[in-house]
Every structure is written in C-alpha cells, then in structure tokens.
Amino acid sequence: MEVREYNDCVHELSDALFRFSLKSTANREDANDVVQGAFEVLWQKRDMVVKEKAKAFLFQVAYRQCIDTFRRKVKYAPGELPERTETPRNTDLKKTLDAALNILDDQSRALVLLKDYEGYSYEEIGRITDLSDAQVKVYLHRARKTLKEYLVSIEFVL
C-alpha cells in the first residue's frame, strides 16, 4: 500500500471505524484512541496490506483494541449484567438502543455492530473476529435475543 492509498483509506473509513469504536467502547476518548491505533497499525503494516483488504484489516484491529479497552476497564464482574440505573420511558429511541447495546458483553456488542450497523456478511465478521461462520450466527442470535428481551421488557411498553 502506498502513501496515497493509505490516505484514501483514512478519508474513506475513519467515520465508519469511529462509529463502530464509539458504539463498542461507549466512550469518545477510547473510540478516538482505537481509531488512531488501528490506523497506526495499518501504517506499520502497509507493505503487507493491499488496499482492497484494508477495511477488513482496520475493523479487525479496531475490534481487538475495543476488547482490550473493555478488559482494561472492567465495568462489572464477568457474566453479570449491569444494573439498570434509569427507566428509559421518556427517552428517545437512540438512547434506548444505546442502553440496550450497553447490556451486551463486548463480543456480542461487536457482532451486532458489525452485522447490523456496518453491514458485514457473516463470513467477513468471522474473519474480523476469528470465529467460524456458525459461531458468528449463534453468538449473533443470542445477542439479538438478549436485546429483544431487554427492549420488550415492561419499562419500554408504551
């Protein structure tokens, strides 16, 4: 990858990468760090990455950095869901969906974001996360089921 191609990747992919990182980390500063780190890794490995594969490469690096960020800042004990601190009755849909995403573990949240927000195929998500297509489908199904249970709970019934 040449410098011009790298700069094209920065211009074309930085917004999508930031959206994914922000939804995954739920923190602007962490998301900025993840995006910067992903592009730094791409720059360091630019001789090994072709432009056509740069998007998948960047999202794979960002996914792993989001998981590392999450592990460094453990918000609650493993396997335990966070307490709901507010009833989102009068909040708008975006805040409700963000709250729903925040109850998922880091891997589940990343899978939902990659599939439903960024539009990746199961195969592409498998390459990014080092999971098989079957694992991606199962984990994504479980994440969506958790989201559904959260969103149809009594607090959200109008």
Protein backbone atom coordinates (compact mmCIF):
# COMPACT_ATOMS: atom_id res chain seq x y z
CA MET A 1 0.00 0.00 0.00
CA GLU A 2 1.35 3.38 -0.97
CA VAL A 3 1.01 6.62 0.99
CA ARG A 4 -1.77 7.86 -1.31
CA GLU A 5 -3.74 4.65 -0.83
CA TYR A 6 -3.26 4.88 2.93
CA ASN A 7 -4.56 8.45 2.93
CA ASP A 8 -7.55 7.33 0.85
CA CYS A 9 -8.28 4.67 3.48
CA VAL A 10 -8.15 7.28 6.23
CA HIS A 11 -10.61 9.53 4.39
CA GLU A 12 -12.96 6.72 3.37
CA LEU A 13 -13.01 4.57 6.52
CA SER A 14 -12.35 6.80 9.51
CA ASP A 15 -16.03 7.70 10.08
CA ALA A 16 -17.27 4.11 9.95
CA LEU A 17 -14.40 2.95 12.13
CA PHE A 18 -15.13 5.69 14.66
CA ARG A 19 -18.86 4.81 14.75
CA PHE A 20 -18.03 1.17 15.37
CA SER A 21 -15.45 2.04 18.04
CA LEU A 22 -17.75 4.51 19.78
CA LYS A 23 -20.61 2.02 19.93
CA SER A 24 -18.22 -0.68 21.15
CA THR A 25 -16.46 1.33 23.83
CA ALA A 26 -19.25 3.80 24.72
CA ASN A 27 -16.58 6.45 25.27
CA ARG A 28 -15.44 9.12 22.78
CA GLU A 29 -11.85 9.26 24.03
CA ASP A 30 -11.48 5.48 23.91
CA ALA A 31 -13.05 5.40 20.44
CA ASN A 32 -10.61 8.04 19.21
CA ASP A 33 -7.73 6.02 20.67
CA VAL A 34 -8.99 2.85 18.97
CA VAL A 35 -9.30 4.56 15.57
CA GLN A 36 -5.88 6.17 15.88
CA GLY A 37 -4.37 2.87 16.99
CA ALA A 38 -5.98 0.99 14.09
CA PHE A 39 -4.62 3.44 11.54
CA GLU A 40 -1.23 3.33 13.23
CA VAL A 41 -1.16 -0.46 12.87
CA LEU A 42 -2.23 -0.14 9.22
CA TRP A 43 0.60 2.33 8.63
CA GLN A 44 3.12 -0.01 10.25
CA LYS A 45 1.90 -2.95 8.15
CA ARG A 46 1.15 -1.02 4.96
CA ASP A 47 3.61 -3.15 2.99
CA MET A 48 1.64 -6.31 3.86
CA VAL A 49 -1.91 -4.97 3.38
CA VAL A 50 -3.46 -4.35 -0.02
CA LYS A 51 -5.96 -1.53 -0.32
CA GLU A 52 -8.84 -3.90 -1.13
CA LYS A 53 -8.35 -5.67 2.24
CA ALA A 54 -7.70 -2.52 4.29
CA LYS A 55 -11.30 -2.17 5.52
CA ALA A 56 -11.45 -5.69 6.95
CA PHE A 57 -7.95 -5.27 8.39
CA LEU A 58 -8.85 -1.99 10.13
CA PHE A 59 -12.07 -3.35 11.59
CA GLN A 60 -10.25 -6.45 12.84
CA VAL A 61 -7.63 -4.29 14.57
CA ALA A 62 -10.32 -1.98 15.99
CA TYR A 63 -12.36 -4.95 17.22
CA ARG A 64 -9.37 -6.33 19.09
CA GLN A 65 -8.46 -2.93 20.53
CA CYS A 66 -12.05 -2.42 21.72
CA ILE A 67 -11.90 -5.76 23.51
CA ASP A 68 -8.57 -4.79 25.07
CA THR A 69 -10.04 -1.45 26.18
CA PHE A 70 -13.04 -3.23 27.67
CA ARG A 71 -10.83 -5.67 29.54
CA ARG A 72 -8.76 -2.84 30.98
CA LYS A 73 -11.87 -1.07 32.20
CA VAL A 74 -13.98 -3.88 33.56
CA LYS A 75 -17.27 -2.28 34.50
CA TYR A 76 -18.83 -5.28 36.16
CA ALA A 77 -18.00 -8.83 37.09
CA PRO A 78 -17.78 -11.33 34.21
CA GLY A 79 -21.11 -12.90 33.38
CA GLU A 80 -23.05 -10.31 35.35
CA LEU A 81 -25.24 -7.74 33.61
CA PRO A 82 -25.09 -4.14 34.78
CA GLU A 83 -27.96 -2.76 36.81
CA ARG A 84 -30.42 -0.54 35.02
CA THR A 85 -29.97 2.86 36.55
CA GLU A 86 -32.90 4.61 34.93
CA THR A 87 -36.17 3.73 33.32
CA PRO A 88 -35.94 4.90 29.74
CA ARG A 89 -39.66 5.58 29.27
CA ASN A 90 -39.38 9.14 28.08
CA THR A 91 -36.08 8.86 26.25
CA ASP A 92 -35.77 8.81 22.53
CA LEU A 93 -35.18 5.67 20.51
CA LYS A 94 -31.45 6.23 20.02
CA LYS A 95 -30.79 6.42 23.75
CA THR A 96 -32.88 3.31 24.30
CA LEU A 97 -30.98 1.37 21.66
CA ASP A 98 -27.64 2.57 23.05
CA ALA A 99 -28.70 1.42 26.52
CA ALA A 100 -29.70 -1.95 25.08
CA LEU A 101 -26.32 -2.33 23.37
CA ASN A 102 -24.57 -1.49 26.62
CA ILE A 103 -26.04 -4.53 28.38
CA LEU A 104 -24.29 -6.85 25.93
CA ASP A 105 -20.82 -8.21 26.55
CA ASP A 106 -18.04 -6.82 24.36
CA GLN A 107 -18.06 -9.64 21.83
CA SER A 108 -21.84 -9.65 21.39
CA ARG A 109 -21.95 -5.88 21.02
CA ALA A 110 -19.20 -6.01 18.40
CA LEU A 111 -21.02 -8.70 16.43
CA VAL A 112 -24.29 -6.74 16.41
CA LEU A 113 -22.48 -3.58 15.38
CA LEU A 114 -20.54 -5.27 12.60
CA LYS A 115 -23.62 -7.03 11.20
CA ASP A 116 -26.48 -4.61 11.77
CA TYR A 117 -24.73 -1.23 11.80
CA GLU A 118 -21.87 -1.75 9.36
CA GLY A 119 -23.48 -4.41 7.15
CA TYR A 120 -20.72 -7.01 7.10
CA SER A 121 -21.51 -10.56 6.00
CA TYR A 122 -21.17 -13.50 8.39
CA GLU A 123 -18.02 -14.57 6.57
CA GLU A 124 -16.42 -11.12 6.87
CA ILE A 125 -17.33 -10.92 10.56
CA GLY A 126 -15.80 -14.36 11.05
CA ARG A 127 -12.53 -13.17 9.54
CA ILE A 128 -12.54 -9.99 11.63
CA THR A 129 -13.28 -11.78 14.92
CA ASP A 130 -11.51 -15.09 14.26
CA LEU A 131 -14.78 -17.01 14.65
CA SER A 132 -16.35 -19.52 12.30
CA ASP A 133 -19.47 -18.56 10.34
CA ALA A 134 -21.51 -20.88 12.56
CA GLN A 135 -20.14 -19.29 15.73
CA VAL A 136 -20.92 -15.82 14.40
CA LYS A 137 -24.51 -16.85 13.66
CA VAL A 138 -25.01 -18.46 17.07
CA TYR A 139 -23.46 -15.60 19.03
CA LEU A 140 -25.36 -13.04 16.98
CA HIS A 141 -28.62 -14.91 17.56
CA ARG A 142 -28.01 -14.94 21.31
CA ALA A 143 -27.12 -11.24 21.31
CA ARG A 144 -30.26 -10.35 19.40
CA LYS A 145 -32.34 -12.48 21.76
CA THR A 146 -30.86 -10.60 24.74
CA LEU A 147 -31.60 -7.29 23.03
CA LYS A 148 -35.15 -8.37 22.31
CA GLU A 149 -35.75 -9.41 25.91
CA TYR A 150 -34.38 -6.09 27.12
CA LEU A 151 -36.35 -3.99 24.65
CA VAL A 152 -39.70 -5.73 25.21
CA SER A 153 -39.44 -5.54 28.98
CA ILE A 154 -42.17 -3.70 30.85
CA GLU A 155 -40.19 -0.41 31.03
CA PHE A 156 -40.46 0.05 27.26
CA VAL A 157 -44.13 -0.80 26.79
CA LEU A 158 -45.93 2.41 25.90
